[in-house]
mmCIF file of all heavy atoms, coordinates in Angstrom:
data_MODEL
# 
_entry.id   MODEL 
# 
loop_
_atom_site.group_PDB 
_atom_site.id 
_atom_site.type_symbol 
_atom_site.label_atom_id 
_atom_site.label_alt_id 
_atom_site.label_comp_id 
_atom_site.label_asym_id 
_atom_site.label_entity_id 
_atom_site.label_seq_id 
_atom_site.pdbx_PDB_ins_code 
_atom_site.Cartn_x 
_atom_site.Cartn_y 
_atom_site.Cartn_z 
_atom_site.occupancy 
_atom_site.B_iso_or_equiv 
_atom_site.pdbx_formal_charge 
_atom_site.auth_seq_id 
_atom_site.auth_comp_id 
_atom_site.auth_asym_id 
_atom_site.auth_atom_id 
_atom_site.pdbx_PDB_model_num 
ATOM 1   N N   . LEU A 1 1  ? -94.945  -64.959 -145.433 1.00 0.00 ? 1  LEU A N   1 
ATOM 2   C CA  . LEU A 1 1  ? -95.023  -65.966 -144.265 1.00 0.00 ? 1  LEU A CA  1 
ATOM 3   C C   . LEU A 1 1  ? -93.675  -66.007 -143.552 1.00 0.00 ? 1  LEU A C   1 
ATOM 4   O O   . LEU A 1 1  ? -92.680  -65.718 -144.168 1.00 0.00 ? 1  LEU A O   1 
ATOM 5   C CB  . LEU A 1 1  ? -95.415  -67.391 -144.828 1.00 0.00 ? 1  LEU A CB  1 
ATOM 6   C CG  . LEU A 1 1  ? -96.805  -67.284 -145.583 1.00 0.00 ? 1  LEU A CG  1 
ATOM 7   C CD1 . LEU A 1 1  ? -96.899  -68.680 -146.327 1.00 0.00 ? 1  LEU A CD1 1 
ATOM 8   C CD2 . LEU A 1 1  ? -98.000  -67.189 -144.591 1.00 0.00 ? 1  LEU A CD2 1 
ATOM 9   N N   . ALA A 1 2  ? -93.781  -66.388 -142.373 1.00 0.00 ? 2  ALA A N   1 
ATOM 10  C CA  . ALA A 1 2  ? -92.514  -66.382 -141.526 1.00 0.00 ? 2  ALA A CA  1 
ATOM 11  C C   . ALA A 1 2  ? -91.968  -67.787 -141.273 1.00 0.00 ? 2  ALA A C   1 
ATOM 12  O O   . ALA A 1 2  ? -92.685  -68.778 -141.282 1.00 0.00 ? 2  ALA A O   1 
ATOM 13  C CB  . ALA A 1 2  ? -92.790  -65.718 -140.260 1.00 0.00 ? 2  ALA A CB  1 
ATOM 14  N N   . ARG A 1 3  ? -90.760  -67.854 -140.961 1.00 0.00 ? 3  ARG A N   1 
ATOM 15  C CA  . ARG A 1 3  ? -90.047  -68.981 -140.396 1.00 0.00 ? 3  ARG A CA  1 
ATOM 16  C C   . ARG A 1 3  ? -90.341  -69.324 -138.861 1.00 0.00 ? 3  ARG A C   1 
ATOM 17  O O   . ARG A 1 3  ? -90.594  -70.350 -138.455 1.00 0.00 ? 3  ARG A O   1 
ATOM 18  C CB  . ARG A 1 3  ? -88.537  -68.922 -140.637 1.00 0.00 ? 3  ARG A CB  1 
ATOM 19  C CG  . ARG A 1 3  ? -87.816  -70.159 -140.037 1.00 0.00 ? 3  ARG A CG  1 
ATOM 20  C CD  . ARG A 1 3  ? -86.295  -69.896 -140.041 1.00 0.00 ? 3  ARG A CD  1 
ATOM 21  N NE  . ARG A 1 3  ? -85.559  -71.086 -139.677 1.00 0.00 ? 3  ARG A NE  1 
ATOM 22  C CZ  . ARG A 1 3  ? -84.233  -71.051 -139.593 1.00 0.00 ? 3  ARG A CZ  1 
ATOM 23  N NH1 . ARG A 1 3  ? -83.564  -69.842 -139.763 1.00 0.00 ? 3  ARG A NH1 1 
ATOM 24  N NH2 . ARG A 1 3  ? -83.537  -72.087 -139.174 1.00 0.00 ? 3  ARG A NH2 1 
ATOM 25  N N   . LEU A 1 4  ? -90.372  -68.217 -138.196 1.00 0.00 ? 4  LEU A N   1 
ATOM 26  C CA  . LEU A 1 4  ? -90.441  -68.145 -136.776 1.00 0.00 ? 4  LEU A CA  1 
ATOM 27  C C   . LEU A 1 4  ? -91.922  -68.634 -136.251 1.00 0.00 ? 4  LEU A C   1 
ATOM 28  O O   . LEU A 1 4  ? -92.858  -68.200 -136.805 1.00 0.00 ? 4  LEU A O   1 
ATOM 29  C CB  . LEU A 1 4  ? -90.231  -66.788 -136.166 1.00 0.00 ? 4  LEU A CB  1 
ATOM 30  C CG  . LEU A 1 4  ? -90.182  -66.648 -134.620 1.00 0.00 ? 4  LEU A CG  1 
ATOM 31  C CD1 . LEU A 1 4  ? -89.062  -67.449 -134.019 1.00 0.00 ? 4  LEU A CD1 1 
ATOM 32  C CD2 . LEU A 1 4  ? -90.095  -65.170 -134.390 1.00 0.00 ? 4  LEU A CD2 1 
ATOM 33  N N   . ALA A 1 5  ? -91.914  -69.449 -135.288 1.00 0.00 ? 5  ALA A N   1 
ATOM 34  C CA  . ALA A 1 5  ? -93.218  -69.833 -134.596 1.00 0.00 ? 5  ALA A CA  1 
ATOM 35  C C   . ALA A 1 5  ? -93.764  -68.642 -133.742 1.00 0.00 ? 5  ALA A C   1 
ATOM 36  O O   . ALA A 1 5  ? -92.939  -68.114 -132.942 1.00 0.00 ? 5  ALA A O   1 
ATOM 37  C CB  . ALA A 1 5  ? -93.078  -71.054 -133.709 1.00 0.00 ? 5  ALA A CB  1 
ATOM 38  N N   . THR A 1 6  ? -94.976  -68.147 -133.989 1.00 0.00 ? 6  THR A N   1 
ATOM 39  C CA  . THR A 1 6  ? -95.370  -67.017 -133.303 1.00 0.00 ? 6  THR A CA  1 
ATOM 40  C C   . THR A 1 6  ? -96.804  -67.246 -132.693 1.00 0.00 ? 6  THR A C   1 
ATOM 41  O O   . THR A 1 6  ? -97.430  -68.305 -133.026 1.00 0.00 ? 6  THR A O   1 
ATOM 42  C CB  . THR A 1 6  ? -95.750  -65.902 -134.404 1.00 0.00 ? 6  THR A CB  1 
ATOM 43  O OG1 . THR A 1 6  ? -96.504  -66.463 -135.533 1.00 0.00 ? 6  THR A OG1 1 
ATOM 44  C CG2 . THR A 1 6  ? -94.446  -65.225 -134.982 1.00 0.00 ? 6  THR A CG2 1 
ATOM 45  N N   . PRO A 1 7  ? -97.142  -66.476 -131.663 1.00 0.00 ? 7  PRO A N   1 
ATOM 46  C CA  . PRO A 1 7  ? -98.367  -66.750 -130.932 1.00 0.00 ? 7  PRO A CA  1 
ATOM 47  C C   . PRO A 1 7  ? -99.602  -66.780 -131.746 1.00 0.00 ? 7  PRO A C   1 
ATOM 48  O O   . PRO A 1 7  ? -99.813  -65.911 -132.661 1.00 0.00 ? 7  PRO A O   1 
ATOM 49  C CB  . PRO A 1 7  ? -98.299  -65.531 -129.855 1.00 0.00 ? 7  PRO A CB  1 
ATOM 50  C CG  . PRO A 1 7  ? -96.833  -65.135 -129.802 1.00 0.00 ? 7  PRO A CG  1 
ATOM 51  C CD  . PRO A 1 7  ? -96.295  -65.201 -131.176 1.00 0.00 ? 7  PRO A CD  1 
ATOM 52  N N   . VAL A 1 8  ? -100.492 -67.709 -131.415 1.00 0.00 ? 8  VAL A N   1 
ATOM 53  C CA  . VAL A 1 8  ? -101.881 -67.660 -131.968 1.00 0.00 ? 8  VAL A CA  1 
ATOM 54  C C   . VAL A 1 8  ? -102.631 -66.592 -131.267 1.00 0.00 ? 8  VAL A C   1 
ATOM 55  O O   . VAL A 1 8  ? -102.892 -66.587 -130.137 1.00 0.00 ? 8  VAL A O   1 
ATOM 56  C CB  . VAL A 1 8  ? -102.496 -69.084 -131.760 1.00 0.00 ? 8  VAL A CB  1 
ATOM 57  C CG1 . VAL A 1 8  ? -103.906 -69.020 -132.350 1.00 0.00 ? 8  VAL A CG1 1 
ATOM 58  C CG2 . VAL A 1 8  ? -101.638 -70.096 -132.323 1.00 0.00 ? 8  VAL A CG2 1 
ATOM 59  N N   . ILE A 1 9  ? -102.987 -65.640 -132.072 1.00 0.00 ? 9  ILE A N   1 
ATOM 60  C CA  . ILE A 1 9  ? -103.756 -64.479 -131.629 1.00 0.00 ? 9  ILE A CA  1 
ATOM 61  C C   . ILE A 1 9  ? -105.294 -64.558 -131.656 1.00 0.00 ? 9  ILE A C   1 
ATOM 62  O O   . ILE A 1 9  ? -105.998 -64.239 -130.849 1.00 0.00 ? 9  ILE A O   1 
ATOM 63  C CB  . ILE A 1 9  ? -103.396 -63.296 -132.502 1.00 0.00 ? 9  ILE A CB  1 
ATOM 64  C CG1 . ILE A 1 9  ? -101.870 -62.945 -132.230 1.00 0.00 ? 9  ILE A CG1 1 
ATOM 65  C CG2 . ILE A 1 9  ? -104.166 -61.965 -132.081 1.00 0.00 ? 9  ILE A CG2 1 
ATOM 66  C CD1 . ILE A 1 9  ? -101.216 -62.084 -133.301 1.00 0.00 ? 9  ILE A CD1 1 
ATOM 67  N N   . TYR A 1 10 ? -105.688 -65.068 -132.866 1.00 0.00 ? 10 TYR A N   1 
ATOM 68  C CA  . TYR A 1 10 ? -107.183 -65.221 -133.072 1.00 0.00 ? 10 TYR A CA  1 
ATOM 69  C C   . TYR A 1 10 ? -107.769 -66.503 -132.840 1.00 0.00 ? 10 TYR A C   1 
ATOM 70  O O   . TYR A 1 10 ? -107.143 -67.613 -132.877 1.00 0.00 ? 10 TYR A O   1 
ATOM 71  C CB  . TYR A 1 10 ? -107.531 -64.845 -134.473 1.00 0.00 ? 10 TYR A CB  1 
ATOM 72  C CG  . TYR A 1 10 ? -107.010 -63.389 -134.736 1.00 0.00 ? 10 TYR A CG  1 
ATOM 73  C CD1 . TYR A 1 10 ? -105.840 -63.052 -135.554 1.00 0.00 ? 10 TYR A CD1 1 
ATOM 74  C CD2 . TYR A 1 10 ? -107.667 -62.348 -134.299 1.00 0.00 ? 10 TYR A CD2 1 
ATOM 75  C CE1 . TYR A 1 10 ? -105.383 -61.923 -135.702 1.00 0.00 ? 10 TYR A CE1 1 
ATOM 76  C CE2 . TYR A 1 10 ? -107.312 -61.001 -134.544 1.00 0.00 ? 10 TYR A CE2 1 
ATOM 77  C CZ  . TYR A 1 10 ? -106.039 -60.744 -135.246 1.00 0.00 ? 10 TYR A CZ  1 
ATOM 78  O OH  . TYR A 1 10 ? -105.612 -59.490 -135.569 1.00 0.00 ? 10 TYR A OH  1 
ATOM 79  N N   . LYS A 1 11 ? -109.203 -66.526 -132.479 1.00 0.00 ? 11 LYS A N   1 
ATOM 80  C CA  . LYS A 1 11 ? -109.943 -67.796 -132.266 1.00 0.00 ? 11 LYS A CA  1 
ATOM 81  C C   . LYS A 1 11 ? -109.957 -68.592 -133.646 1.00 0.00 ? 11 LYS A C   1 
ATOM 82  O O   . LYS A 1 11 ? -110.081 -67.910 -134.660 1.00 0.00 ? 11 LYS A O   1 
ATOM 83  C CB  . LYS A 1 11 ? -111.263 -67.461 -131.650 1.00 0.00 ? 11 LYS A CB  1 
ATOM 84  C CG  . LYS A 1 11 ? -111.280 -66.907 -130.356 1.00 0.00 ? 11 LYS A CG  1 
ATOM 85  C CD  . LYS A 1 11 ? -112.596 -66.559 -129.787 1.00 0.00 ? 11 LYS A CD  1 
ATOM 86  C CE  . LYS A 1 11 ? -112.483 -65.849 -128.397 1.00 0.00 ? 11 LYS A CE  1 
ATOM 87  N NZ  . LYS A 1 11 ? -113.873 -65.491 -128.063 1.00 0.00 ? 11 LYS A NZ  1 
ATOM 88  N N   . GLU A 1 12 ? -110.122 -69.851 -133.437 1.00 0.00 ? 12 GLU A N   1 
ATOM 89  C CA  . GLU A 1 12 ? -110.339 -70.737 -134.672 1.00 0.00 ? 12 GLU A CA  1 
ATOM 90  C C   . GLU A 1 12 ? -111.563 -70.342 -135.381 1.00 0.00 ? 12 GLU A C   1 
ATOM 91  O O   . GLU A 1 12 ? -112.570 -70.039 -134.809 1.00 0.00 ? 12 GLU A O   1 
ATOM 92  C CB  . GLU A 1 12 ? -110.483 -72.120 -134.164 1.00 0.00 ? 12 GLU A CB  1 
ATOM 93  C CG  . GLU A 1 12 ? -110.423 -73.231 -135.488 1.00 0.00 ? 12 GLU A CG  1 
ATOM 94  C CD  . GLU A 1 12 ? -110.495 -74.592 -134.987 1.00 0.00 ? 12 GLU A CD  1 
ATOM 95  O OE1 . GLU A 1 12 ? -110.352 -74.847 -133.712 1.00 0.00 ? 12 GLU A OE1 1 
ATOM 96  O OE2 . GLU A 1 12 ? -110.607 -75.488 -135.756 1.00 0.00 ? 12 GLU A OE2 1 
ATOM 97  N N   . ASN A 1 13 ? -111.380 -70.223 -136.770 1.00 0.00 ? 13 ASN A N   1 
ATOM 98  C CA  . ASN A 1 13 ? -112.594 -69.929 -137.643 1.00 0.00 ? 13 ASN A CA  1 
ATOM 99  C C   . ASN A 1 13 ? -113.010 -68.474 -137.493 1.00 0.00 ? 13 ASN A C   1 
ATOM 100 O O   . ASN A 1 13 ? -114.122 -68.144 -137.950 1.00 0.00 ? 13 ASN A O   1 
ATOM 101 C CB  . ASN A 1 13 ? -113.793 -70.844 -137.466 1.00 0.00 ? 13 ASN A CB  1 
ATOM 102 C CG  . ASN A 1 13 ? -113.383 -72.400 -137.767 1.00 0.00 ? 13 ASN A CG  1 
ATOM 103 O OD1 . ASN A 1 13 ? -112.658 -72.478 -138.736 1.00 0.00 ? 13 ASN A OD1 1 
ATOM 104 N ND2 . ASN A 1 13 ? -113.940 -73.282 -136.891 1.00 0.00 ? 13 ASN A ND2 1 
ATOM 105 N N   . GLU A 1 14 ? -112.228 -67.547 -136.918 1.00 0.00 ? 14 GLU A N   1 
ATOM 106 C CA  . GLU A 1 14 ? -112.577 -66.183 -136.868 1.00 0.00 ? 14 GLU A CA  1 
ATOM 107 C C   . GLU A 1 14 ? -112.618 -65.652 -138.322 1.00 0.00 ? 14 GLU A C   1 
ATOM 108 O O   . GLU A 1 14 ? -111.792 -66.051 -139.146 1.00 0.00 ? 14 GLU A O   1 
ATOM 109 C CB  . GLU A 1 14 ? -111.488 -65.433 -136.004 1.00 0.00 ? 14 GLU A CB  1 
ATOM 110 C CG  . GLU A 1 14 ? -111.834 -63.948 -135.602 1.00 0.00 ? 14 GLU A CG  1 
ATOM 111 C CD  . GLU A 1 14 ? -111.306 -63.496 -134.357 1.00 0.00 ? 14 GLU A CD  1 
ATOM 112 O OE1 . GLU A 1 14 ? -110.765 -64.345 -133.589 1.00 0.00 ? 14 GLU A OE1 1 
ATOM 113 O OE2 . GLU A 1 14 ? -111.388 -62.290 -134.226 1.00 0.00 ? 14 GLU A OE2 1 
ATOM 114 N N   . LYS A 1 15 ? -113.476 -64.653 -138.529 1.00 0.00 ? 15 LYS A N   1 
ATOM 115 C CA  . LYS A 1 15 ? -113.647 -64.135 -139.807 1.00 0.00 ? 15 LYS A CA  1 
ATOM 116 C C   . LYS A 1 15 ? -112.793 -62.901 -140.047 1.00 0.00 ? 15 LYS A C   1 
ATOM 117 O O   . LYS A 1 15 ? -112.672 -62.006 -139.112 1.00 0.00 ? 15 LYS A O   1 
ATOM 118 C CB  . LYS A 1 15 ? -115.067 -63.892 -140.021 1.00 0.00 ? 15 LYS A CB  1 
ATOM 119 C CG  . LYS A 1 15 ? -116.051 -64.990 -139.923 1.00 0.00 ? 15 LYS A CG  1 
ATOM 120 C CD  . LYS A 1 15 ? -115.786 -66.087 -140.861 1.00 0.00 ? 15 LYS A CD  1 
ATOM 121 C CE  . LYS A 1 15 ? -116.616 -67.229 -140.665 1.00 0.00 ? 15 LYS A CE  1 
ATOM 122 N NZ  . LYS A 1 15 ? -116.328 -68.307 -141.667 1.00 0.00 ? 15 LYS A NZ  1 
ATOM 123 N N   . PHE A 1 16 ? -112.206 -62.745 -141.287 1.00 0.00 ? 16 PHE A N   1 
ATOM 124 C CA  . PHE A 1 16 ? -111.497 -61.668 -141.612 1.00 0.00 ? 16 PHE A CA  1 
ATOM 125 C C   . PHE A 1 16 ? -111.945 -61.177 -143.005 1.00 0.00 ? 16 PHE A C   1 
ATOM 126 O O   . PHE A 1 16 ? -112.696 -61.858 -143.653 1.00 0.00 ? 16 PHE A O   1 
ATOM 127 C CB  . PHE A 1 16 ? -109.979 -61.984 -141.665 1.00 0.00 ? 16 PHE A CB  1 
ATOM 128 C CG  . PHE A 1 16 ? -109.442 -62.592 -140.465 1.00 0.00 ? 16 PHE A CG  1 
ATOM 129 C CD1 . PHE A 1 16 ? -109.327 -63.953 -140.371 1.00 0.00 ? 16 PHE A CD1 1 
ATOM 130 C CD2 . PHE A 1 16 ? -108.980 -61.832 -139.362 1.00 0.00 ? 16 PHE A CD2 1 
ATOM 131 C CE1 . PHE A 1 16 ? -108.895 -64.564 -139.222 1.00 0.00 ? 16 PHE A CE1 1 
ATOM 132 C CE2 . PHE A 1 16 ? -108.538 -62.455 -138.165 1.00 0.00 ? 16 PHE A CE2 1 
ATOM 133 C CZ  . PHE A 1 16 ? -108.420 -63.717 -138.045 1.00 0.00 ? 16 PHE A CZ  1 
ATOM 134 N N   . GLU A 1 17 ? -111.348 -60.083 -143.468 1.00 0.00 ? 17 GLU A N   1 
ATOM 135 C CA  . GLU A 1 17 ? -111.799 -59.552 -144.803 1.00 0.00 ? 17 GLU A CA  1 
ATOM 136 C C   . GLU A 1 17 ? -110.490 -58.879 -145.458 1.00 0.00 ? 17 GLU A C   1 
ATOM 137 O O   . GLU A 1 17 ? -109.726 -58.151 -144.795 1.00 0.00 ? 17 GLU A O   1 
ATOM 138 C CB  . GLU A 1 17 ? -112.816 -58.498 -144.617 1.00 0.00 ? 17 GLU A CB  1 
ATOM 139 C CG  . GLU A 1 17 ? -113.346 -57.980 -145.944 1.00 0.00 ? 17 GLU A CG  1 
ATOM 140 C CD  . GLU A 1 17 ? -114.439 -56.816 -145.746 1.00 0.00 ? 17 GLU A CD  1 
ATOM 141 O OE1 . GLU A 1 17 ? -115.076 -56.918 -144.742 1.00 0.00 ? 17 GLU A OE1 1 
ATOM 142 O OE2 . GLU A 1 17 ? -114.652 -56.159 -146.721 1.00 0.00 ? 17 GLU A OE2 1 
ATOM 143 N N   . ILE A 1 18 ? -110.252 -59.295 -146.722 1.00 0.00 ? 18 ILE A N   1 
ATOM 144 C CA  . ILE A 1 18 ? -109.069 -58.787 -147.484 1.00 0.00 ? 18 ILE A CA  1 
ATOM 145 C C   . ILE A 1 18 ? -109.265 -57.225 -147.496 1.00 0.00 ? 18 ILE A C   1 
ATOM 146 O O   . ILE A 1 18 ? -110.429 -56.812 -147.977 1.00 0.00 ? 18 ILE A O   1 
ATOM 147 C CB  . ILE A 1 18 ? -108.875 -59.461 -148.803 1.00 0.00 ? 18 ILE A CB  1 
ATOM 148 C CG1 . ILE A 1 18 ? -108.472 -60.900 -148.606 1.00 0.00 ? 18 ILE A CG1 1 
ATOM 149 C CG2 . ILE A 1 18 ? -107.847 -58.618 -149.658 1.00 0.00 ? 18 ILE A CG2 1 
ATOM 150 C CD1 . ILE A 1 18 ? -108.482 -61.787 -150.000 1.00 0.00 ? 18 ILE A CD1 1 
ATOM 151 N N   . GLY A 1 19 ? -108.333 -56.525 -147.240 1.00 0.00 ? 19 GLY A N   1 
ATOM 152 C CA  . GLY A 1 19 ? -108.359 -55.061 -147.282 1.00 0.00 ? 19 GLY A CA  1 
ATOM 153 C C   . GLY A 1 19 ? -108.944 -54.374 -146.069 1.00 0.00 ? 19 GLY A C   1 
ATOM 154 O O   . GLY A 1 19 ? -109.107 -53.100 -146.120 1.00 0.00 ? 19 GLY A O   1 
ATOM 155 N N   . LYS A 1 20 ? -109.318 -55.128 -145.057 1.00 0.00 ? 20 LYS A N   1 
ATOM 156 C CA  . LYS A 1 20 ? -109.938 -54.573 -143.825 1.00 0.00 ? 20 LYS A CA  1 
ATOM 157 C C   . LYS A 1 20 ? -109.063 -54.857 -142.737 1.00 0.00 ? 20 LYS A C   1 
ATOM 158 O O   . LYS A 1 20 ? -108.991 -56.015 -142.197 1.00 0.00 ? 20 LYS A O   1 
ATOM 159 C CB  . LYS A 1 20 ? -111.319 -55.008 -143.605 1.00 0.00 ? 20 LYS A CB  1 
ATOM 160 C CG  . LYS A 1 20 ? -112.078 -54.420 -142.518 1.00 0.00 ? 20 LYS A CG  1 
ATOM 161 C CD  . LYS A 1 20 ? -112.272 -52.835 -142.772 1.00 0.00 ? 20 LYS A CD  1 
ATOM 162 C CE  . LYS A 1 20 ? -113.028 -52.288 -141.625 1.00 0.00 ? 20 LYS A CE  1 
ATOM 163 N NZ  . LYS A 1 20 ? -113.202 -50.846 -141.781 1.00 0.00 ? 20 LYS A NZ  1 
ATOM 164 N N   . ALA A 1 21 ? -108.433 -53.849 -142.202 1.00 0.00 ? 21 ALA A N   1 
ATOM 165 C CA  . ALA A 1 21 ? -107.470 -54.043 -140.939 1.00 0.00 ? 21 ALA A CA  1 
ATOM 166 C C   . ALA A 1 21 ? -108.353 -54.432 -139.589 1.00 0.00 ? 21 ALA A C   1 
ATOM 167 O O   . ALA A 1 21 ? -109.537 -54.174 -139.590 1.00 0.00 ? 21 ALA A O   1 
ATOM 168 C CB  . ALA A 1 21 ? -106.657 -52.857 -140.707 1.00 0.00 ? 21 ALA A CB  1 
ATOM 169 N N   . ILE A 1 22 ? -107.871 -54.983 -138.675 1.00 0.00 ? 22 ILE A N   1 
ATOM 170 C CA  . ILE A 1 22 ? -108.424 -55.355 -137.462 1.00 0.00 ? 22 ILE A CA  1 
ATOM 171 C C   . ILE A 1 22 ? -108.028 -54.457 -136.270 1.00 0.00 ? 22 ILE A C   1 
ATOM 172 O O   . ILE A 1 22 ? -106.864 -54.432 -135.982 1.00 0.00 ? 22 ILE A O   1 
ATOM 173 C CB  . ILE A 1 22 ? -108.146 -56.883 -137.040 1.00 0.00 ? 22 ILE A CB  1 
ATOM 174 C CG1 . ILE A 1 22 ? -108.606 -57.718 -138.289 1.00 0.00 ? 22 ILE A CG1 1 
ATOM 175 C CG2 . ILE A 1 22 ? -108.881 -57.226 -135.811 1.00 0.00 ? 22 ILE A CG2 1 
ATOM 176 C CD1 . ILE A 1 22 ? -108.037 -59.013 -138.354 1.00 0.00 ? 22 ILE A CD1 1 
ATOM 177 N N   . GLN A 1 23 ? -108.906 -53.798 -135.726 1.00 0.00 ? 23 GLN A N   1 
ATOM 178 C CA  . GLN A 1 23 ? -108.558 -52.856 -134.582 1.00 0.00 ? 23 GLN A CA  1 
ATOM 179 C C   . GLN A 1 23 ? -108.740 -53.660 -133.335 1.00 0.00 ? 23 GLN A C   1 
ATOM 180 O O   . GLN A 1 23 ? -109.904 -54.287 -133.086 1.00 0.00 ? 23 GLN A O   1 
ATOM 181 C CB  . GLN A 1 23 ? -109.440 -51.626 -134.541 1.00 0.00 ? 23 GLN A CB  1 
ATOM 182 C CG  . GLN A 1 23 ? -109.108 -50.716 -133.271 1.00 0.00 ? 23 GLN A CG  1 
ATOM 183 C CD  . GLN A 1 23 ? -109.974 -49.558 -133.285 1.00 0.00 ? 23 GLN A CD  1 
ATOM 184 O OE1 . GLN A 1 23 ? -110.204 -48.873 -134.345 1.00 0.00 ? 23 GLN A OE1 1 
ATOM 185 N NE2 . GLN A 1 23 ? -110.468 -49.127 -132.164 1.00 0.00 ? 23 GLN A NE2 1 
ATOM 186 N N   . ILE A 1 24 ? -107.681 -53.677 -132.438 1.00 0.00 ? 24 ILE A N   1 
ATOM 187 C CA  . ILE A 1 24 ? -107.876 -54.414 -131.137 1.00 0.00 ? 24 ILE A CA  1 
ATOM 188 C C   . ILE A 1 24 ? -107.653 -53.366 -130.010 1.00 0.00 ? 24 ILE A C   1 
ATOM 189 O O   . ILE A 1 24 ? -106.633 -52.763 -129.952 1.00 0.00 ? 24 ILE A O   1 
ATOM 190 C CB  . ILE A 1 24 ? -106.657 -55.491 -130.986 1.00 0.00 ? 24 ILE A CB  1 
ATOM 191 C CG1 . ILE A 1 24 ? -106.727 -56.481 -132.302 1.00 0.00 ? 24 ILE A CG1 1 
ATOM 192 C CG2 . ILE A 1 24 ? -106.625 -56.190 -129.669 1.00 0.00 ? 24 ILE A CG2 1 
ATOM 193 C CD1 . ILE A 1 24 ? -105.474 -57.262 -132.420 1.00 0.00 ? 24 ILE A CD1 1 
ATOM 194 N N   . GLY A 1 25 ? -108.710 -53.295 -129.278 1.00 0.00 ? 25 GLY A N   1 
ATOM 195 C CA  . GLY A 1 25 ? -108.727 -52.274 -128.175 1.00 0.00 ? 25 GLY A CA  1 
ATOM 196 C C   . GLY A 1 25 ? -109.275 -50.848 -128.758 1.00 0.00 ? 25 GLY A C   1 
ATOM 197 O O   . GLY A 1 25 ? -109.294 -50.582 -129.902 1.00 0.00 ? 25 GLY A O   1 
ATOM 198 N N   . GLU A 1 26 ? -109.712 -50.003 -127.659 1.00 0.00 ? 26 GLU A N   1 
ATOM 199 C CA  . GLU A 1 26 ? -110.217 -48.804 -128.107 1.00 0.00 ? 26 GLU A CA  1 
ATOM 200 C C   . GLU A 1 26 ? -109.412 -47.564 -127.402 1.00 0.00 ? 26 GLU A C   1 
ATOM 201 O O   . GLU A 1 26 ? -109.877 -46.528 -127.369 1.00 0.00 ? 26 GLU A O   1 
ATOM 202 C CB  . GLU A 1 26 ? -111.668 -48.743 -127.451 1.00 0.00 ? 26 GLU A CB  1 
ATOM 203 C CG  . GLU A 1 26 ? -112.595 -49.661 -128.068 1.00 0.00 ? 26 GLU A CG  1 
ATOM 204 C CD  . GLU A 1 26 ? -112.984 -49.388 -129.523 1.00 0.00 ? 26 GLU A CD  1 
ATOM 205 O OE1 . GLU A 1 26 ? -112.853 -48.135 -129.959 1.00 0.00 ? 26 GLU A OE1 1 
ATOM 206 O OE2 . GLU A 1 26 ? -113.453 -50.285 -130.239 1.00 0.00 ? 26 GLU A OE2 1 
ATOM 207 N N   . GLY A 1 27 ? -108.249 -47.776 -127.040 1.00 0.00 ? 27 GLY A N   1 
ATOM 208 C CA  . GLY A 1 27 ? -107.361 -46.820 -126.431 1.00 0.00 ? 27 GLY A CA  1 
ATOM 209 C C   . GLY A 1 27 ? -107.299 -45.490 -127.264 1.00 0.00 ? 27 GLY A C   1 
ATOM 210 O O   . GLY A 1 27 ? -107.256 -45.702 -128.442 1.00 0.00 ? 27 GLY A O   1 
ATOM 211 N N   . THR A 1 28 ? -107.218 -44.380 -126.625 1.00 0.00 ? 28 THR A N   1 
ATOM 212 C CA  . THR A 1 28 ? -106.921 -43.107 -127.414 1.00 0.00 ? 28 THR A CA  1 
ATOM 213 C C   . THR A 1 28 ? -105.567 -42.412 -127.152 1.00 0.00 ? 28 THR A C   1 
ATOM 214 O O   . THR A 1 28 ? -105.270 -41.416 -127.808 1.00 0.00 ? 28 THR A O   1 
ATOM 215 C CB  . THR A 1 28 ? -108.017 -42.083 -126.881 1.00 0.00 ? 28 THR A CB  1 
ATOM 216 O OG1 . THR A 1 28 ? -107.931 -41.917 -125.484 1.00 0.00 ? 28 THR A OG1 1 
ATOM 217 C CG2 . THR A 1 28 ? -109.359 -42.603 -127.225 1.00 0.00 ? 28 THR A CG2 1 
# 
């Protein structure tokens, strides 16, 4: 965890999974 206040990226109650990364965007 960090000391610095950082931007909120995800919506409240968004679902995640341990061991599964999150891809944002489809750029190649």
